[in-house]
């Protein structure tokens, strides 16, 4: 499965103890519906990223920029986990230009949220019923591999690209990858998801 990113518009907290500055935030929240990601909405089920956050050498960056590394799990400068709310992270900000600038931006309220990079594990997603508000089908993520996370200046909600959209439909087992015809899609309660995803990819 391809790498994906999701964002959360929830400001992080920052605290200082002597010369040490620590920030804490949530990379994702459980059971909150995303915006329209290109024909479907999405939510993360409790426990989806717990194993990855425990086992992976997760990196923390600012704005997903690998030149702006803030912390790393293996060095102890990044701590991650899941609680009742979602996937949290805590970073001991470095005494670097990026770290000092970020601390100031957090104090001023200029940094508006967080984001994380992940891959859905095999069997780690399913289709739920349609969203009552929009009529869009809901993709539920039950198991994912989190590899990177951190604060972002302006958390936007990205759409899923067409190739990944088709891949999601195929992985969920509700589309036939041997033909482009919509008529080949077997009956499924979330058949509209396949229609939306195939249409987004330009298949008529």
N, C-alpha and C. Protein backbone atom coordinates (compact mmCIF):
# COMPACT_ATOMS: atom_id res chain seq x y z
N UNK A 1 0.85 -1.19 0.00
CA UNK A 1 0.00 0.00 0.00
C UNK A 1 0.89 1.24 0.00
N UNK A 2 0.44 2.26 -0.72
CA UNK A 2 1.22 3.49 -0.82
C UNK A 2 1.18 4.29 0.47
N UNK A 3 2.15 5.19 0.57
CA UNK A 3 2.22 6.08 1.72
C UNK A 3 1.14 7.16 1.61
N UNK A 4 0.49 7.46 2.72
CA UNK A 4 -0.53 8.49 2.78
C UNK A 4 -0.21 9.46 3.91
N UNK A 5 -0.84 10.63 3.86
CA UNK A 5 -0.72 11.62 4.93
C UNK A 5 -2.10 12.11 5.32
N UNK A 6 -2.25 12.36 6.61
CA UNK A 6 -3.48 12.96 7.11
C UNK A 6 -3.12 14.06 8.10
N UNK A 7 -4.01 15.03 8.24
CA UNK A 7 -3.75 16.20 9.07
C UNK A 7 -4.85 16.38 10.11
N UNK A 8 -4.49 17.01 11.21
CA UNK A 8 -5.43 17.27 12.29
C UNK A 8 -5.29 18.72 12.72
N UNK A 9 -6.37 19.46 12.62
CA UNK A 9 -6.34 20.88 12.99
C UNK A 9 -6.61 21.01 14.49
N UNK A 10 -5.60 20.69 15.27
CA UNK A 10 -5.69 20.76 16.72
C UNK A 10 -4.35 21.27 17.25
N UNK A 11 -4.31 22.48 17.80
CA UNK A 11 -3.04 23.03 18.24
C UNK A 11 -2.35 22.18 19.29
N UNK A 12 -1.03 22.13 19.24
CA UNK A 12 -0.24 21.40 20.21
C UNK A 12 0.06 22.28 21.41
N UNK A 13 0.47 21.65 22.51
CA UNK A 13 0.86 22.36 23.71
C UNK A 13 2.38 22.44 23.78
N UNK A 14 2.88 23.47 24.45
CA UNK A 14 4.32 23.60 24.62
C UNK A 14 4.59 24.03 26.06
N UNK A 15 5.64 23.46 26.63
CA UNK A 15 6.01 23.83 27.99
C UNK A 15 7.53 23.89 28.09
N UNK A 16 8.01 24.74 28.98
CA UNK A 16 9.45 24.93 29.17
C UNK A 16 9.81 24.67 30.62
N UNK A 17 10.91 23.92 30.80
CA UNK A 17 11.47 23.66 32.12
C UNK A 17 12.95 23.96 32.04
N UNK A 18 13.34 25.11 32.53
CA UNK A 18 14.73 25.53 32.37
C UNK A 18 15.02 25.79 30.91
N UNK A 19 16.07 25.16 30.39
CA UNK A 19 16.42 25.31 28.98
C UNK A 19 15.69 24.32 28.08
N UNK A 20 15.01 23.34 28.68
CA UNK A 20 14.33 22.30 27.90
C UNK A 20 12.92 22.76 27.52
N UNK A 21 12.58 22.56 26.25
CA UNK A 21 11.25 22.91 25.76
C UNK A 21 10.63 21.65 25.15
N UNK A 22 9.46 21.30 25.61
CA UNK A 22 8.77 20.10 25.15
C UNK A 22 7.41 20.48 24.58
N UNK A 23 7.06 19.85 23.47
CA UNK A 23 5.73 20.05 22.89
C UNK A 23 4.99 18.72 22.86
N UNK A 24 3.69 18.81 22.97
CA UNK A 24 2.85 17.61 22.94
C UNK A 24 1.61 17.87 22.10
N UNK A 25 1.27 16.93 21.26
CA UNK A 25 0.10 17.08 20.40
C UNK A 25 -0.46 15.74 20.00
N UNK A 26 -1.53 15.79 19.23
CA UNK A 26 -2.14 14.59 18.67
C UNK A 26 -1.91 14.57 17.17
N UNK A 27 -1.44 13.44 16.66
CA UNK A 27 -1.30 13.28 15.22
C UNK A 27 -2.63 12.88 14.58
N UNK A 28 -3.44 12.12 15.33
CA UNK A 28 -4.77 11.73 14.83
C UNK A 28 -5.68 11.48 16.02
N UNK A 29 -6.97 11.63 15.75
CA UNK A 29 -8.00 11.38 16.76
C UNK A 29 -8.87 10.22 16.29
N UNK A 30 -9.32 9.42 17.22
CA UNK A 30 -10.15 8.27 16.89
C UNK A 30 -11.58 8.67 16.54
N UNK A 31 -12.14 7.93 15.60
CA UNK A 31 -13.56 7.99 15.27
C UNK A 31 -14.05 9.36 14.83
N UNK A 32 -13.13 10.21 14.36
CA UNK A 32 -13.53 11.50 13.80
C UNK A 32 -13.52 11.39 12.28
N UNK A 33 -14.62 11.75 11.65
CA UNK A 33 -14.70 11.67 10.20
C UNK A 33 -13.87 12.76 9.54
N UNK A 34 -13.12 12.37 8.54
CA UNK A 34 -12.33 13.32 7.76
C UNK A 34 -13.25 14.14 6.85
N UNK A 35 -12.66 15.12 6.19
CA UNK A 35 -13.34 15.77 5.08
C UNK A 35 -13.45 14.79 3.92
N UNK A 36 -14.09 15.20 2.86
CA UNK A 36 -14.16 14.39 1.64
C UNK A 36 -12.76 14.19 1.09
N UNK A 37 -12.32 12.95 1.01
CA UNK A 37 -10.97 12.65 0.53
C UNK A 37 -10.97 12.24 -0.94
N UNK A 38 -12.01 12.59 -1.66
CA UNK A 38 -12.07 12.27 -3.07
C UNK A 38 -13.09 11.19 -3.36
N UNK A 39 -14.29 11.36 -2.83
CA UNK A 39 -15.35 10.39 -3.07
C UNK A 39 -15.66 9.53 -1.86
N UNK A 40 -14.95 9.70 -0.79
CA UNK A 40 -15.23 8.97 0.44
C UNK A 40 -14.69 9.75 1.64
N UNK A 41 -15.20 9.41 2.81
CA UNK A 41 -14.66 9.95 4.05
C UNK A 41 -13.96 8.83 4.81
N UNK A 42 -13.31 9.19 5.88
CA UNK A 42 -12.43 8.22 6.54
C UNK A 42 -12.42 8.46 8.04
N UNK A 43 -12.24 7.38 8.80
CA UNK A 43 -12.01 7.53 10.23
C UNK A 43 -11.05 6.44 10.70
N UNK A 44 -10.37 6.74 11.79
CA UNK A 44 -9.37 5.83 12.35
C UNK A 44 -9.95 5.17 13.59
N UNK A 45 -9.85 3.85 13.63
CA UNK A 45 -10.42 3.07 14.72
C UNK A 45 -9.41 2.98 15.87
N UNK A 46 -9.85 3.03 17.13
CA UNK A 46 -8.92 2.91 18.26
C UNK A 46 -8.01 1.68 18.13
N UNK A 47 -6.72 1.91 18.39
CA UNK A 47 -5.74 0.84 18.31
C UNK A 47 -5.08 0.68 16.96
N UNK A 48 -5.53 1.46 15.96
CA UNK A 48 -5.04 1.27 14.59
C UNK A 48 -3.53 1.46 14.47
N UNK A 49 -2.98 2.42 15.20
CA UNK A 49 -1.55 2.69 15.07
C UNK A 49 -0.73 2.33 16.29
N UNK A 50 -1.33 1.66 17.26
CA UNK A 50 -0.66 1.39 18.53
C UNK A 50 0.62 0.57 18.35
N UNK A 51 0.55 -0.51 17.58
CA UNK A 51 1.73 -1.36 17.39
C UNK A 51 2.87 -0.61 16.73
N UNK A 52 2.53 0.17 15.72
CA UNK A 52 3.56 0.92 15.00
C UNK A 52 4.22 1.96 15.89
N UNK A 53 3.44 2.65 16.68
CA UNK A 53 3.99 3.67 17.56
C UNK A 53 4.88 3.06 18.63
N UNK A 54 4.60 1.82 19.02
CA UNK A 54 5.45 1.14 20.00
C UNK A 54 6.73 0.62 19.37
N UNK A 55 6.65 0.13 18.15
CA UNK A 55 7.77 -0.61 17.57
C UNK A 55 8.63 0.19 16.60
N UNK A 56 8.07 1.17 15.92
CA UNK A 56 8.80 1.86 14.85
C UNK A 56 9.75 2.93 15.39
N UNK A 57 10.80 3.18 14.63
CA UNK A 57 11.70 4.29 14.92
C UNK A 57 11.12 5.53 14.23
N UNK A 58 10.03 6.04 14.80
CA UNK A 58 9.28 7.14 14.19
C UNK A 58 10.09 8.43 14.26
N UNK A 59 10.03 9.19 13.19
CA UNK A 59 10.66 10.51 13.13
C UNK A 59 9.63 11.60 13.35
N UNK A 60 10.05 12.67 14.00
CA UNK A 60 9.22 13.87 14.11
C UNK A 60 9.87 14.98 13.30
N UNK A 61 9.09 15.63 12.46
CA UNK A 61 9.59 16.72 11.63
C UNK A 61 8.63 17.90 11.71
N UNK A 62 9.09 19.03 11.24
CA UNK A 62 8.22 20.20 11.11
C UNK A 62 7.84 20.35 9.65
N UNK A 63 6.54 20.33 9.38
CA UNK A 63 6.00 20.45 8.02
C UNK A 63 6.48 19.34 7.10
N UNK A 64 6.72 18.15 7.64
CA UNK A 64 7.14 16.98 6.86
C UNK A 64 8.48 17.19 6.15
N UNK A 65 9.27 18.11 6.63
CA UNK A 65 10.55 18.43 6.00
C UNK A 65 11.66 17.67 6.72
N UNK A 66 12.32 16.73 6.02
CA UNK A 66 13.37 15.94 6.64
C UNK A 66 14.61 16.78 6.96
N UNK A 67 14.66 18.00 6.47
CA UNK A 67 15.73 18.91 6.87
C UNK A 67 15.40 19.61 8.19
N UNK A 68 14.17 19.42 8.66
CA UNK A 68 13.73 20.03 9.91
C UNK A 68 13.32 18.95 10.90
N UNK A 69 14.25 18.04 11.20
CA UNK A 69 13.98 16.95 12.16
C UNK A 69 13.90 17.53 13.56
N UNK A 70 12.85 17.11 14.29
CA UNK A 70 12.65 17.59 15.65
C UNK A 70 12.96 16.55 16.71
N UNK A 71 12.79 15.29 16.38
CA UNK A 71 13.02 14.23 17.35
C UNK A 71 12.94 12.87 16.69
N UNK A 72 13.36 11.85 17.44
CA UNK A 72 13.36 10.49 16.91
C UNK A 72 13.11 9.52 18.06
N UNK A 73 12.30 8.51 17.79
CA UNK A 73 11.94 7.57 18.84
C UNK A 73 13.17 6.87 19.42
N UNK A 74 14.07 6.43 18.55
CA UNK A 74 15.22 5.65 19.02
C UNK A 74 16.19 6.46 19.87
N UNK A 75 16.17 7.78 19.75
CA UNK A 75 17.06 8.62 20.54
C UNK A 75 16.42 9.08 21.84
N UNK A 76 15.13 8.79 22.00
CA UNK A 76 14.41 9.20 23.20
C UNK A 76 13.91 10.62 23.18
N UNK A 77 14.14 11.34 22.07
CA UNK A 77 13.67 12.73 21.98
C UNK A 77 12.25 12.83 21.46
N UNK A 78 11.69 11.70 21.03
CA UNK A 78 10.30 11.61 20.60
C UNK A 78 9.64 10.45 21.32
N UNK A 79 8.51 10.71 21.92
CA UNK A 79 7.73 9.67 22.58
C UNK A 79 6.33 9.66 21.97
N UNK A 80 5.81 8.50 21.69
CA UNK A 80 4.52 8.37 21.03
C UNK A 80 3.69 7.28 21.69
N UNK A 81 2.41 7.31 21.44
CA UNK A 81 1.52 6.28 21.95
C UNK A 81 0.08 6.61 21.61
N UNK A 82 -0.81 5.76 22.04
CA UNK A 82 -2.24 5.99 21.88
C UNK A 82 -2.90 6.02 23.25
N UNK A 83 -3.88 6.90 23.39
CA UNK A 83 -4.72 6.92 24.58
C UNK A 83 -6.18 6.88 24.13
N UNK A 84 -7.08 7.23 25.00
CA UNK A 84 -8.50 7.14 24.65
C UNK A 84 -8.89 8.10 23.54
N UNK A 85 -8.11 9.18 23.35
CA UNK A 85 -8.44 10.20 22.36
C UNK A 85 -7.89 9.88 20.98
N UNK A 86 -6.66 9.35 20.94
CA UNK A 86 -6.03 9.10 19.65
C UNK A 86 -4.54 8.87 19.78
N UNK A 87 -3.82 9.12 18.69
CA UNK A 87 -2.38 8.94 18.67
C UNK A 87 -1.66 10.22 19.06
N UNK A 88 -0.96 10.20 20.19
CA UNK A 88 -0.30 11.39 20.70
C UNK A 88 1.21 11.31 20.46
N UNK A 89 1.85 12.46 20.53
CA UNK A 89 3.31 12.50 20.44
C UNK A 89 3.83 13.62 21.34
N UNK A 90 5.05 13.43 21.81
CA UNK A 90 5.70 14.41 22.67
C UNK A 90 7.15 14.54 22.23
N UNK A 91 7.59 15.75 21.98
CA UNK A 91 8.92 16.00 21.43
C UNK A 91 9.70 16.92 22.35
N UNK A 92 10.95 16.52 22.66
CA UNK A 92 11.89 17.44 23.30
C UNK A 92 12.51 18.27 22.18
N UNK A 93 12.06 19.49 22.03
CA UNK A 93 12.48 20.30 20.89
C UNK A 93 13.99 20.56 20.93
N UNK A 94 14.66 20.45 19.78
CA UNK A 94 16.11 20.64 19.75
C UNK A 94 16.49 22.12 19.87
N UNK A 95 17.70 22.35 20.35
CA UNK A 95 18.23 23.70 20.43
C UNK A 95 18.85 24.06 19.09
N UNK A 96 17.99 24.12 18.10
CA UNK A 96 18.38 24.47 16.73
C UNK A 96 17.52 25.63 16.29
N UNK A 97 17.84 26.20 15.14
CA UNK A 97 17.02 27.29 14.63
C UNK A 97 15.57 26.85 14.46
N UNK A 98 15.38 25.66 13.89
CA UNK A 98 14.02 25.16 13.69
C UNK A 98 13.32 24.94 15.02
N UNK A 99 14.02 24.33 15.97
CA UNK A 99 13.41 24.05 17.26
C UNK A 99 13.04 25.31 18.01
N UNK A 100 13.93 26.28 18.02
CA UNK A 100 13.64 27.54 18.72
C UNK A 100 12.52 28.32 18.04
N UNK A 101 12.56 28.35 16.71
CA UNK A 101 11.51 29.06 15.98
C UNK A 101 10.16 28.39 16.20
N UNK A 102 10.14 27.06 16.18
CA UNK A 102 8.88 26.34 16.38
C UNK A 102 8.31 26.60 17.77
N UNK A 103 9.17 26.61 18.78
CA UNK A 103 8.71 26.88 20.14
C UNK A 103 8.03 28.25 20.21
N UNK A 104 8.62 29.22 19.57
CA UNK A 104 8.04 30.56 19.58
C UNK A 104 6.72 30.59 18.81
N UNK A 105 6.66 29.91 17.67
CA UNK A 105 5.44 29.86 16.87
C UNK A 105 4.31 29.16 17.63
N UNK A 106 4.66 28.12 18.39
CA UNK A 106 3.66 27.42 19.18
C UNK A 106 3.11 28.33 20.28
N UNK A 107 3.99 29.05 20.93
CA UNK A 107 3.56 29.96 22.00
C UNK A 107 2.63 31.04 21.44
N UNK A 108 2.91 31.51 20.23
CA UNK A 108 2.10 32.57 19.61
C UNK A 108 0.79 32.05 19.02
N UNK A 109 0.69 30.74 18.87
CA UNK A 109 -0.51 30.16 18.28
C UNK A 109 -0.50 30.15 16.77
N UNK A 110 0.69 30.28 16.16
CA UNK A 110 0.78 30.33 14.70
C UNK A 110 0.76 28.93 14.07
N UNK A 111 1.15 27.92 14.83
CA UNK A 111 1.14 26.54 14.32
C UNK A 111 -0.20 25.94 14.69
N UNK A 112 -0.96 25.54 13.68
CA UNK A 112 -2.37 25.22 13.88
C UNK A 112 -2.70 23.74 14.01
N UNK A 113 -1.75 22.85 13.83
CA UNK A 113 -2.12 21.44 13.90
C UNK A 113 -0.95 20.51 13.70
N UNK A 114 -1.28 19.26 13.44
CA UNK A 114 -0.29 18.20 13.27
C UNK A 114 -0.64 17.34 12.07
N UNK A 115 0.31 16.50 11.68
CA UNK A 115 0.11 15.64 10.53
C UNK A 115 0.95 14.38 10.73
N UNK A 116 0.57 13.31 10.04
CA UNK A 116 1.36 12.08 10.14
C UNK A 116 1.37 11.35 8.81
N UNK A 117 2.42 10.57 8.61
CA UNK A 117 2.61 9.77 7.40
C UNK A 117 2.45 8.31 7.77
N UNK A 118 1.70 7.57 6.95
CA UNK A 118 1.39 6.18 7.30
C UNK A 118 1.15 5.34 6.05
N UNK A 119 1.16 4.04 6.27
CA UNK A 119 0.71 3.07 5.27
C UNK A 119 -0.29 2.14 5.94
N UNK A 120 -1.35 1.79 5.23
CA UNK A 120 -2.33 0.86 5.76
C UNK A 120 -1.77 -0.55 5.66
N UNK A 121 -1.81 -1.29 6.75
CA UNK A 121 -1.33 -2.67 6.75
C UNK A 121 -2.28 -3.58 6.00
N UNK A 122 -1.79 -4.74 5.59
CA UNK A 122 -2.64 -5.73 4.93
C UNK A 122 -3.83 -6.07 5.82
N UNK A 123 -5.02 -5.97 5.26
CA UNK A 123 -6.22 -6.25 6.04
C UNK A 123 -6.57 -5.16 7.03
N UNK A 124 -5.92 -4.00 6.91
CA UNK A 124 -6.09 -2.95 7.89
C UNK A 124 -7.10 -1.88 7.53
N UNK A 125 -8.01 -2.17 6.62
CA UNK A 125 -9.05 -1.21 6.26
C UNK A 125 -10.32 -1.94 5.86
N UNK A 126 -11.42 -1.25 6.00
CA UNK A 126 -12.71 -1.84 5.65
C UNK A 126 -13.67 -0.72 5.24
N UNK A 127 -14.74 -1.10 4.59
CA UNK A 127 -15.76 -0.14 4.17
C UNK A 127 -16.92 -0.19 5.14
N UNK A 128 -17.30 0.98 5.64
CA UNK A 128 -18.45 1.09 6.54
C UNK A 128 -19.63 1.63 5.74
N UNK A 129 -20.76 1.75 6.40
CA UNK A 129 -21.94 2.30 5.74
C UNK A 129 -21.71 3.75 5.33
N UNK A 130 -22.62 4.28 4.57
CA UNK A 130 -22.53 5.66 4.11
C UNK A 130 -22.65 6.64 5.27
N UNK A 131 -21.99 7.77 5.12
CA UNK A 131 -22.10 8.87 6.06
C UNK A 131 -23.47 9.52 5.89
N UNK A 132 -24.20 9.67 6.97
CA UNK A 132 -25.56 10.23 6.89
C UNK A 132 -25.55 11.68 6.42
N UNK A 133 -24.52 12.42 6.76
CA UNK A 133 -24.47 13.84 6.43
C UNK A 133 -24.25 14.09 4.95
N UNK A 134 -23.31 13.34 4.36
CA UNK A 134 -22.93 13.60 2.97
C UNK A 134 -23.36 12.52 1.98
N UNK A 135 -23.71 11.33 2.49
CA UNK A 135 -24.03 10.22 1.60
C UNK A 135 -22.81 9.50 1.07
N UNK A 136 -21.61 9.94 1.48
CA UNK A 136 -20.38 9.30 1.02
C UNK A 136 -20.09 8.05 1.83
N UNK A 137 -19.53 7.02 1.20
CA UNK A 137 -19.11 5.84 1.95
C UNK A 137 -17.94 6.18 2.87
N UNK A 138 -17.77 5.39 3.90
CA UNK A 138 -16.74 5.64 4.91
C UNK A 138 -15.70 4.53 4.88
N UNK A 139 -14.46 4.92 4.75
CA UNK A 139 -13.32 4.00 4.87
C UNK A 139 -12.85 4.02 6.31
N UNK A 140 -12.81 2.86 6.95
CA UNK A 140 -12.31 2.75 8.31
C UNK A 140 -10.93 2.11 8.30
N UNK A 141 -9.98 2.76 8.97
CA UNK A 141 -8.62 2.24 9.08
C UNK A 141 -8.49 1.55 10.43
N UNK A 142 -8.18 0.27 10.40
CA UNK A 142 -8.09 -0.53 11.62
C UNK A 142 -6.66 -0.90 11.98
N UNK A 143 -5.73 -0.81 11.03
CA UNK A 143 -4.32 -1.13 11.30
C UNK A 143 -3.45 -0.38 10.32
N UNK A 144 -2.49 0.40 10.86
CA UNK A 144 -1.64 1.20 9.99
C UNK A 144 -0.21 1.26 10.54
N UNK A 145 0.71 1.53 9.63
CA UNK A 145 2.12 1.64 9.96
C UNK A 145 2.51 3.11 9.93
N UNK A 146 2.67 3.71 11.10
CA UNK A 146 3.01 5.13 11.21
C UNK A 146 4.52 5.29 11.16
N UNK A 147 5.02 6.14 10.25
CA UNK A 147 6.47 6.27 10.07
C UNK A 147 7.00 7.66 10.40
N UNK A 148 6.13 8.67 10.37
CA UNK A 148 6.59 10.05 10.60
C UNK A 148 5.40 10.89 11.03
N UNK A 149 5.69 11.90 11.84
CA UNK A 149 4.62 12.78 12.32
C UNK A 149 5.23 14.09 12.81
N UNK A 150 4.36 15.02 13.17
CA UNK A 150 4.85 16.28 13.72
C UNK A 150 3.93 17.44 13.45
N UNK A 151 4.29 18.60 13.96
CA UNK A 151 3.47 19.79 13.78
C UNK A 151 3.56 20.32 12.36
N UNK A 152 2.48 20.94 11.91
CA UNK A 152 2.45 21.59 10.60
C UNK A 152 1.85 22.97 10.77
N UNK A 153 2.30 23.88 9.94
CA UNK A 153 1.88 25.27 10.06
C UNK A 153 0.41 25.46 9.72
N UNK A 154 -0.03 24.81 8.65
CA UNK A 154 -1.39 24.99 8.17
C UNK A 154 -1.96 23.65 7.76
N UNK A 155 -2.63 22.93 8.65
CA UNK A 155 -3.10 21.58 8.33
C UNK A 155 -4.27 21.59 7.35
N UNK A 156 -3.99 21.24 6.10
CA UNK A 156 -5.03 21.12 5.08
C UNK A 156 -5.49 19.67 5.01
N UNK A 157 -6.63 19.45 4.39
CA UNK A 157 -7.13 18.09 4.22
C UNK A 157 -6.92 17.67 2.77
N UNK A 158 -5.92 16.82 2.51
CA UNK A 158 -5.63 16.43 1.13
C UNK A 158 -6.65 15.44 0.59
N UNK A 159 -6.83 15.44 -0.72
CA UNK A 159 -7.60 14.39 -1.35
C UNK A 159 -6.66 13.23 -1.67
N UNK A 160 -7.23 12.06 -1.86
CA UNK A 160 -6.44 10.89 -2.20
C UNK A 160 -6.30 10.85 -3.72
N UNK A 161 -5.05 10.63 -4.21
CA UNK A 161 -4.86 10.65 -5.65
C UNK A 161 -5.57 9.48 -6.31
N UNK A 162 -5.78 9.59 -7.63
CA UNK A 162 -6.61 8.62 -8.35
C UNK A 162 -6.05 7.21 -8.27
N UNK A 163 -4.73 7.05 -8.43
CA UNK A 163 -4.13 5.72 -8.39
C UNK A 163 -4.33 5.09 -7.02
N UNK A 164 -4.14 5.86 -5.98
CA UNK A 164 -4.33 5.34 -4.63
C UNK A 164 -5.80 5.04 -4.38
N UNK A 165 -6.69 5.86 -4.91
CA UNK A 165 -8.12 5.61 -4.75
C UNK A 165 -8.51 4.25 -5.32
N UNK A 166 -8.02 3.96 -6.52
CA UNK A 166 -8.30 2.66 -7.13
C UNK A 166 -7.70 1.53 -6.30
N UNK A 167 -6.49 1.78 -5.79
CA UNK A 167 -5.82 0.77 -4.98
C UNK A 167 -6.61 0.48 -3.70
N UNK A 168 -7.16 1.52 -3.10
CA UNK A 168 -7.97 1.33 -1.90
C UNK A 168 -9.17 0.45 -2.21
N UNK A 169 -9.86 0.75 -3.31
CA UNK A 169 -11.04 -0.03 -3.69
C UNK A 169 -10.69 -1.49 -3.92
N UNK A 170 -9.58 -1.74 -4.62
CA UNK A 170 -9.17 -3.11 -4.90
C UNK A 170 -8.78 -3.84 -3.63
N UNK A 171 -8.06 -3.17 -2.76
CA UNK A 171 -7.61 -3.79 -1.52
C UNK A 171 -8.78 -4.16 -0.63
N UNK A 172 -9.83 -3.33 -0.67
CA UNK A 172 -11.02 -3.62 0.12
C UNK A 172 -11.83 -4.77 -0.46
N UNK A 173 -11.44 -5.24 -1.64
CA UNK A 173 -12.10 -6.39 -2.22
C UNK A 173 -13.45 -6.09 -2.82
N UNK A 174 -13.69 -4.86 -3.21
CA UNK A 174 -15.00 -4.51 -3.76
C UNK A 174 -14.87 -3.97 -5.18
N UNK A 175 -13.75 -4.27 -5.84
CA UNK A 175 -13.58 -3.91 -7.24
C UNK A 175 -12.80 -5.01 -7.93
N UNK A 176 -13.05 -5.15 -9.22
CA UNK A 176 -12.39 -6.19 -10.01
C UNK A 176 -11.23 -5.56 -10.75
N UNK A 177 -9.99 -6.00 -10.47
CA UNK A 177 -8.83 -5.38 -11.09
C UNK A 177 -8.52 -5.92 -12.47
N UNK A 178 -9.37 -6.78 -13.02
CA UNK A 178 -9.10 -7.33 -14.34
C UNK A 178 -9.79 -6.55 -15.44
N UNK A 179 -10.66 -5.59 -15.07
CA UNK A 179 -11.38 -4.83 -16.08
C UNK A 179 -11.69 -3.45 -15.55
N UNK A 180 -11.92 -2.51 -16.45
CA UNK A 180 -12.26 -1.15 -16.05
C UNK A 180 -13.76 -0.93 -16.01
N UNK A 181 -14.55 -1.93 -16.35
CA UNK A 181 -15.99 -1.75 -16.42
C UNK A 181 -16.61 -1.71 -15.03
N UNK A 182 -17.47 -0.73 -14.81
CA UNK A 182 -18.17 -0.64 -13.54
C UNK A 182 -19.11 -1.81 -13.35
N UNK A 183 -19.59 -2.38 -14.46
CA UNK A 183 -20.53 -3.49 -14.35
C UNK A 183 -19.88 -4.71 -13.74
N UNK A 184 -18.54 -4.76 -13.71
CA UNK A 184 -17.86 -5.92 -13.15
C UNK A 184 -17.77 -5.85 -11.63
N UNK A 185 -18.11 -4.70 -11.04
CA UNK A 185 -18.01 -4.56 -9.60
C UNK A 185 -19.12 -5.36 -8.94
N UNK A 186 -18.79 -6.33 -8.08
CA UNK A 186 -19.82 -7.14 -7.45
C UNK A 186 -20.66 -6.32 -6.48
N UNK A 187 -21.84 -6.86 -6.19
CA UNK A 187 -22.69 -6.16 -5.24
C UNK A 187 -22.00 -6.04 -3.89
N UNK A 188 -22.13 -4.87 -3.28
CA UNK A 188 -21.55 -4.65 -1.96
C UNK A 188 -22.31 -3.47 -1.35
N UNK A 189 -22.52 -3.48 -0.04
CA UNK A 189 -23.23 -2.35 0.57
C UNK A 189 -22.59 -1.01 0.31
N UNK A 190 -21.29 -1.01 0.05
CA UNK A 190 -20.59 0.26 -0.22
C UNK A 190 -20.18 0.35 -1.68
N UNK A 191 -21.03 -0.17 -2.57
CA UNK A 191 -20.68 -0.13 -3.98
C UNK A 191 -20.45 1.29 -4.48
N UNK A 192 -21.13 2.26 -3.87
CA UNK A 192 -20.93 3.65 -4.28
C UNK A 192 -19.49 4.09 -4.09
N UNK A 193 -18.79 3.49 -3.13
CA UNK A 193 -17.38 3.84 -2.95
C UNK A 193 -16.58 3.48 -4.19
N UNK A 194 -16.84 2.29 -4.73
CA UNK A 194 -16.13 1.88 -5.94
C UNK A 194 -16.45 2.82 -7.09
N UNK A 195 -17.72 3.15 -7.22
CA UNK A 195 -18.11 4.06 -8.31
C UNK A 195 -17.39 5.40 -8.17
N UNK A 196 -17.36 5.92 -6.97
CA UNK A 196 -16.71 7.22 -6.75
C UNK A 196 -15.22 7.14 -7.03
N UNK A 197 -14.59 6.06 -6.56
CA UNK A 197 -13.14 5.95 -6.72
C UNK A 197 -12.75 5.71 -8.17
N UNK A 198 -13.52 4.85 -8.87
CA UNK A 198 -13.21 4.60 -10.27
C UNK A 198 -13.45 5.85 -11.11
N UNK A 199 -14.53 6.57 -10.80
CA UNK A 199 -14.80 7.82 -11.53
C UNK A 199 -13.70 8.83 -11.31
N UNK A 200 -13.21 8.92 -10.09
CA UNK A 200 -12.13 9.87 -9.80
C UNK A 200 -10.88 9.53 -10.60
N UNK A 201 -10.69 8.24 -10.89
CA UNK A 201 -9.53 7.85 -11.66
C UNK A 201 -9.73 8.00 -13.16
N UNK A 202 -10.88 8.50 -13.55
CA UNK A 202 -11.12 8.76 -14.96
C UNK A 202 -11.76 7.61 -15.71
N UNK A 203 -12.18 6.54 -15.01
CA UNK A 203 -12.79 5.40 -15.66
C UNK A 203 -14.29 5.64 -15.75
N UNK A 204 -14.84 5.52 -16.93
CA UNK A 204 -16.27 5.77 -17.12
C UNK A 204 -17.01 4.45 -17.35
